[in-house]
């Protein structure tokens, strides 16, 4: 004989007495949406820089901008492209930080060289007291590279064989609100607009968005934003990312930055660890100083 059908009451009692698997509760990071590791986000920042052409790092004094930039540059130099000699870096150090506190990379004083040597990585000390001299010196170096990269692209049928990554400290001296006027200014606007086409990538470091030309900010997709104060900067943040972005940048601690994607309107808070040197920068010794000649095969 078949068993009699269970009543509704019997089914309810039976379900209540059965042991059910315990539900795993999400942790605080999962609830906040922050599930990406620091190392993964750092790699993503570098990849986005290489795709878009520029990244702007800003924050008031003592927010850890240079420390964050050093972490990013080390990630770049540890990349496969760099190891395979498909990427070179040039660090314009106007604040005497990199030649003392970065890794074992060659450095030189720009005033001692008429033509920069072609090496894989180089820190260039720029000690001009006049911001116009600084802008013109960096602009001339980048212009020479721009012309060379155009020639390469033509020579290799539309392909560019390697990336150039430039880092510019105190970028307001080069890309200030009134710096993009005149012949030099028009050149920088062209560079910011077209650099990705020639694999020329820029990390710009400054103290305030308000001091950087709007023409540059409008052409930049990715930002690392440290602690911000002042009505002008907060107003600019609200214009590019809304009130939530501006609020997120108030009260950040040293080493904390908001990584903002202007197109996606998304942002992450990332805390950079204190940069620890791996060796020390050392003077460039294989070049030719003064008015002596030199020759370098480019391609």
Protein backbone atom coordinates (compact mmCIF):
# COMPACT_ATOMS: atom_id res chain seq x y z
CA UNK A 1 0.00 0.00 0.00
CA UNK A 2 1.18 3.50 -0.74
CA UNK A 3 1.93 5.81 2.12
CA UNK A 4 -0.86 8.26 2.97
CA UNK A 5 -0.27 11.78 1.68
CA UNK A 6 1.26 14.08 4.28
CA UNK A 7 -0.87 16.85 5.62
CA UNK A 8 0.18 20.48 5.25
CA UNK A 9 0.92 20.69 8.95
CA UNK A 10 3.22 17.64 8.75
CA UNK A 11 5.13 19.20 5.82
CA UNK A 12 5.65 22.48 7.70
CA UNK A 13 6.96 20.65 10.77
CA UNK A 14 9.28 18.50 8.67
CA UNK A 15 10.72 21.51 6.80
CA UNK A 16 11.31 23.38 10.03
CA UNK A 17 13.24 20.47 11.61
CA UNK A 18 15.54 19.86 8.63
CA UNK A 19 19.11 21.20 8.90
CA UNK A 20 19.80 23.83 6.26
CA UNK A 21 23.27 24.93 5.13
CA UNK A 22 24.44 28.08 6.88
CA UNK A 23 24.41 31.14 4.63
CA UNK A 24 27.84 32.77 4.20
CA UNK A 25 27.68 36.39 5.21
CA UNK A 26 29.57 38.94 3.06
CA UNK A 27 32.47 40.77 4.67
CA UNK A 28 32.82 44.52 4.98
CA UNK A 29 34.87 44.87 1.78
CA UNK A 30 32.35 42.90 -0.26
CA UNK A 31 29.49 44.96 1.13
CA UNK A 32 31.29 48.17 0.18
CA UNK A 33 32.02 46.90 -3.32
CA UNK A 34 35.81 46.98 -2.74
CA UNK A 35 36.94 43.49 -3.70
CA UNK A 36 39.94 44.31 -5.89
CA UNK A 37 43.42 43.81 -4.47
CA UNK A 38 45.85 46.74 -4.38
CA UNK A 39 48.25 44.99 -6.76
CA UNK A 40 45.48 44.30 -9.28
CA UNK A 41 44.22 47.88 -9.18
CA UNK A 42 47.78 49.18 -9.60
CA UNK A 43 48.20 47.02 -12.72
CA UNK A 44 44.86 48.30 -13.99
CA UNK A 45 45.96 51.92 -13.48
CA UNK A 46 49.14 51.30 -15.50
CA UNK A 47 47.18 49.58 -18.26
CA UNK A 48 44.72 52.47 -18.48
CA UNK A 49 47.61 54.93 -18.63
CA UNK A 50 49.13 53.03 -21.55
CA UNK A 51 45.79 52.94 -23.36
CA UNK A 52 44.70 56.54 -22.83
CA UNK A 53 47.98 58.47 -22.89
CA UNK A 54 47.87 60.35 -19.61
CA UNK A 55 47.12 60.23 -15.90
CA UNK A 56 46.88 63.29 -13.66
CA UNK A 57 47.89 62.95 -9.99
CA UNK A 58 46.88 65.90 -7.79
CA UNK A 59 46.61 66.71 -4.10
CA UNK A 60 47.60 69.38 -1.65
CA UNK A 61 51.08 69.36 -0.12
CA UNK A 62 52.13 66.30 1.88
CA UNK A 63 49.45 63.98 0.49
CA UNK A 64 51.94 61.45 -0.90
CA UNK A 65 51.73 62.29 -4.62
CA UNK A 66 55.36 61.49 -5.37
CA UNK A 67 55.17 58.32 -3.26
CA UNK A 68 52.14 57.17 -5.29
CA UNK A 69 53.91 58.05 -8.54
CA UNK A 70 56.96 56.04 -7.51
CA UNK A 71 54.77 52.99 -6.89
CA UNK A 72 53.25 53.42 -10.34
CA UNK A 73 56.62 53.90 -12.06
CA UNK A 74 58.02 50.80 -10.39
CA UNK A 75 55.01 48.84 -11.67
CA UNK A 76 55.74 50.18 -15.15
CA UNK A 77 59.41 49.24 -14.94
CA UNK A 78 58.48 45.74 -13.74
CA UNK A 79 56.13 45.20 -16.68
CA UNK A 80 56.82 42.67 -19.43
CA UNK A 81 56.96 45.46 -22.02
CA UNK A 82 59.75 47.18 -20.11
CA UNK A 83 61.65 43.95 -19.56
CA UNK A 84 61.37 43.22 -23.29
CA UNK A 85 62.84 46.66 -24.14
CA UNK A 86 59.51 47.83 -25.59
CA UNK A 87 59.18 50.72 -23.13
CA UNK A 88 61.45 53.51 -21.90
CA UNK A 89 60.88 56.05 -19.14
CA UNK A 90 61.92 59.65 -18.60
CA UNK A 91 61.36 61.32 -15.23
CA UNK A 92 61.51 65.13 -15.13
CA UNK A 93 62.48 65.81 -11.53
CA UNK A 94 61.99 69.47 -10.66
CA UNK A 95 61.86 68.86 -6.89
CA UNK A 96 65.01 66.74 -6.28
CA UNK A 97 62.98 63.81 -4.98
CA UNK A 98 63.55 61.09 -7.54
CA UNK A 99 67.35 61.24 -7.71
CA UNK A 100 67.53 60.66 -3.96
CA UNK A 101 64.56 58.44 -3.12
CA UNK A 102 63.72 56.33 -6.19
CA UNK A 103 65.18 52.98 -7.26
CA UNK A 104 68.54 52.36 -8.96
CA UNK A 105 68.02 54.45 -12.11
CA UNK A 106 70.52 56.73 -13.82
CA UNK A 107 70.15 60.48 -13.38
CA UNK A 108 71.71 63.59 -14.86
CA UNK A 109 71.50 67.35 -14.57
CA UNK A 110 69.89 68.81 -17.70
CA UNK A 111 72.19 71.85 -17.65
CA UNK A 112 75.17 69.54 -18.29
CA UNK A 113 73.76 68.02 -21.48
CA UNK A 114 72.76 69.56 -24.77
CA UNK A 115 71.27 66.31 -26.04
CA UNK A 116 69.82 63.67 -23.75
CA UNK A 117 71.38 60.22 -24.08
CA UNK A 118 69.13 57.40 -25.26
CA UNK A 119 68.84 55.01 -22.31
CA UNK A 120 66.06 52.79 -21.04
CA UNK A 121 65.32 54.78 -17.87
CA UNK A 122 66.53 58.22 -16.89
CA UNK A 123 65.89 60.81 -14.19
CA UNK A 124 66.43 64.36 -15.47
CA UNK A 125 67.11 67.03 -12.85
CA UNK A 126 65.69 70.38 -13.95
CA UNK A 127 66.88 73.17 -11.70
CA UNK A 128 65.58 76.25 -13.52
CA UNK A 129 64.05 78.85 -11.23
CA UNK A 130 61.89 80.28 -14.02
CA UNK A 131 58.83 78.18 -14.83
CA UNK A 132 58.99 79.30 -18.48
CA UNK A 133 62.52 77.89 -18.79
CA UNK A 134 61.29 74.65 -17.24
CA UNK A 135 58.37 74.44 -19.65
CA UNK A 136 60.53 75.19 -22.68
CA UNK A 137 63.24 72.68 -21.70
CA UNK A 138 60.79 69.82 -21.18
CA UNK A 139 58.86 70.85 -24.28
CA UNK A 140 61.96 70.70 -26.47
CA UNK A 141 62.81 67.19 -25.28
CA UNK A 142 59.26 65.95 -25.84
CA UNK A 143 59.13 67.68 -29.24
CA UNK A 144 62.27 65.86 -30.37
CA UNK A 145 60.74 62.55 -29.30
CA UNK A 146 57.44 63.40 -30.99
CA UNK A 147 59.16 64.01 -34.33
CA UNK A 148 61.14 60.79 -33.97
CA UNK A 149 58.05 58.73 -33.10
CA UNK A 150 56.24 60.10 -36.18
CA UNK A 151 59.18 59.02 -38.34
CA UNK A 152 59.11 55.58 -36.73
CA UNK A 153 55.39 55.16 -37.36
CA UNK A 154 55.90 55.98 -41.02
CA UNK A 155 58.94 53.72 -41.30
CA UNK A 156 57.17 50.73 -39.70
CA UNK A 157 53.92 51.05 -41.69
CA UNK A 158 51.76 52.63 -39.02
CA UNK A 159 53.21 50.77 -36.04
CA UNK A 160 55.23 52.24 -33.19
CA UNK A 161 57.79 49.79 -31.76
CA UNK A 162 57.91 50.99 -28.15
CA UNK A 163 56.26 53.17 -25.49
CA UNK A 164 57.73 56.37 -24.06
CA UNK A 165 56.53 57.07 -20.52
CA UNK A 166 57.17 60.59 -19.18
CA UNK A 167 56.65 61.78 -15.63
CA UNK A 168 56.50 65.51 -14.93
CA UNK A 169 56.61 66.84 -11.37
CA UNK A 170 54.89 70.16 -10.62
CA UNK A 171 53.13 69.96 -13.96
CA UNK A 172 51.37 73.29 -13.43
CA UNK A 173 54.67 74.86 -14.54
CA UNK A 174 54.24 73.17 -17.92
CA UNK A 175 50.46 72.88 -18.26
CA UNK A 176 49.27 75.86 -16.22
CA UNK A 177 46.06 77.74 -16.90
CA UNK A 178 47.84 80.22 -19.18
CA UNK A 179 50.70 77.97 -20.36
CA UNK A 180 48.95 76.60 -23.45
CA UNK A 181 49.03 79.87 -25.33
CA UNK A 182 51.68 80.74 -27.91
CA UNK A 183 53.71 78.32 -30.02
CA UNK A 184 54.91 76.17 -27.12
CA UNK A 185 51.42 76.01 -25.66
CA UNK A 186 49.91 74.89 -28.95
CA UNK A 187 52.49 72.13 -29.15
CA UNK A 188 51.58 70.83 -25.68
CA UNK A 189 47.91 70.84 -26.60
CA UNK A 190 48.77 68.74 -29.66
CA UNK A 191 50.80 66.35 -27.50
CA UNK A 192 47.99 65.89 -24.96
CA UNK A 193 45.52 65.32 -27.79
CA UNK A 194 47.59 62.94 -29.92
CA UNK A 195 50.19 61.32 -27.65
CA UNK A 196 48.49 57.90 -27.43
CA UNK A 197 48.74 57.55 -31.22
CA UNK A 198 52.53 57.51 -30.89
CA UNK A 199 52.73 55.54 -27.64
CA UNK A 200 53.83 58.62 -25.70
CA UNK A 201 52.35 58.42 -22.20
CA UNK A 202 52.39 61.07 -19.46
CA UNK A 203 52.07 61.08 -15.69
CA UNK A 204 51.36 64.65 -14.64
CA UNK A 205 51.79 65.53 -10.94
CA UNK A 206 50.41 68.78 -9.54
CA UNK A 207 49.00 70.32 -6.38
CA UNK A 208 45.68 71.66 -7.64
CA UNK A 209 43.40 70.92 -10.56
CA UNK A 210 42.59 74.61 -10.65
CA UNK A 211 46.22 75.34 -11.62
CA UNK A 212 46.17 72.95 -14.61
CA UNK A 213 44.74 74.07 -17.92
CA UNK A 214 41.11 73.11 -18.47
CA UNK A 215 42.10 72.05 -21.99
CA UNK A 216 44.28 69.33 -20.47
CA UNK A 217 41.73 68.21 -17.88
CA UNK A 218 39.02 67.91 -20.53
CA UNK A 219 41.28 65.62 -22.58
CA UNK A 220 42.24 63.40 -19.64
CA UNK A 221 40.16 60.38 -18.68
CA UNK A 222 41.93 59.06 -15.58
CA UNK A 223 42.82 60.87 -12.35
CA UNK A 224 44.41 60.03 -9.00
CA UNK A 225 42.98 62.56 -6.56
CA UNK A 226 44.48 63.13 -3.14
CA UNK A 227 43.18 65.29 -0.31
CA UNK A 228 41.61 68.42 -1.76
CA UNK A 229 40.74 71.77 -0.26
CA UNK A 230 39.71 75.12 -1.68
CA UNK A 231 36.53 76.11 -3.40
CA UNK A 232 38.07 76.24 -6.88
CA UNK A 233 39.31 72.65 -6.80
CA UNK A 234 36.12 71.31 -5.25
CA UNK A 235 34.05 73.11 -7.87
CA UNK A 236 36.18 71.58 -10.63
CA UNK A 237 35.77 68.11 -9.11
CA UNK A 238 32.01 68.57 -9.02
CA UNK A 239 32.05 69.56 -12.69
CA UNK A 240 34.02 66.53 -13.84
CA UNK A 241 32.59 63.90 -11.47
CA UNK A 242 29.67 65.25 -9.46
CA UNK A 243 29.17 65.92 -5.76
CA UNK A 244 30.02 62.34 -4.72
CA UNK A 245 33.50 62.66 -6.18
CA UNK A 246 34.13 66.03 -4.54
CA UNK A 247 32.94 64.73 -1.16
CA UNK A 248 35.15 61.62 -1.49
CA UNK A 249 38.26 63.80 -1.91
CA UNK A 250 37.70 65.79 1.27
CA UNK A 251 39.48 64.47 4.33
CA UNK A 252 41.60 61.82 2.60
CA UNK A 253 44.64 60.84 4.65
CA UNK A 254 48.22 60.90 3.44
CA UNK A 255 48.70 58.10 0.91
CA UNK A 256 44.98 57.79 0.13
CA UNK A 257 43.79 58.64 -3.38
CA UNK A 258 40.60 58.37 -5.35
CA UNK A 259 41.18 56.73 -8.74
CA UNK A 260 38.58 58.30 -11.00
CA UNK A 261 37.49 57.19 -14.47
CA UNK A 262 35.80 60.23 -15.99
CA UNK A 263 34.05 58.30 -18.75
CA UNK A 264 32.61 55.59 -16.52
CA UNK A 265 31.95 57.97 -13.59
CA UNK A 266 33.40 55.30 -11.29
CA UNK A 267 36.01 55.68 -8.59
CA UNK A 268 38.00 53.60 -6.13
CA UNK A 269 39.82 54.65 -2.98
CA UNK A 270 43.36 53.29 -3.07
CA UNK A 271 45.96 53.52 -0.30
CA UNK A 272 49.54 53.45 -1.50
CA UNK A 273 52.14 51.86 0.79
CA UNK A 274 55.22 53.79 1.77
CA UNK A 275 57.69 53.42 -1.10
CA UNK A 276 60.85 51.53 -0.13
CA UNK A 277 63.93 52.05 -2.27
CA UNK A 278 65.49 49.20 -4.20
CA UNK A 279 69.00 50.52 -4.61
CA UNK A 280 69.78 54.20 -5.20
CA UNK A 281 69.83 56.39 -8.33
CA UNK A 282 73.31 56.83 -9.74
CA UNK A 283 74.91 59.41 -12.08
CA UNK A 284 74.83 58.85 -15.80
CA UNK A 285 78.43 58.30 -16.91
CA UNK A 286 78.35 57.00 -20.48
CA UNK A 287 77.30 60.20 -22.22
CA UNK A 288 79.30 63.12 -23.55
CA UNK A 289 79.12 66.41 -21.68
CA UNK A 290 79.60 70.00 -22.76
CA UNK A 291 80.26 70.90 -26.39
CA UNK A 292 81.71 67.54 -27.44
CA UNK A 293 79.95 65.54 -30.11
CA UNK A 294 78.12 62.25 -29.83
CA UNK A 295 76.20 59.89 -32.12
CA UNK A 296 73.29 57.56 -31.27
CA UNK A 297 71.61 55.14 -33.66
CA UNK A 298 67.87 55.48 -33.23
CA UNK A 299 66.57 52.84 -35.67
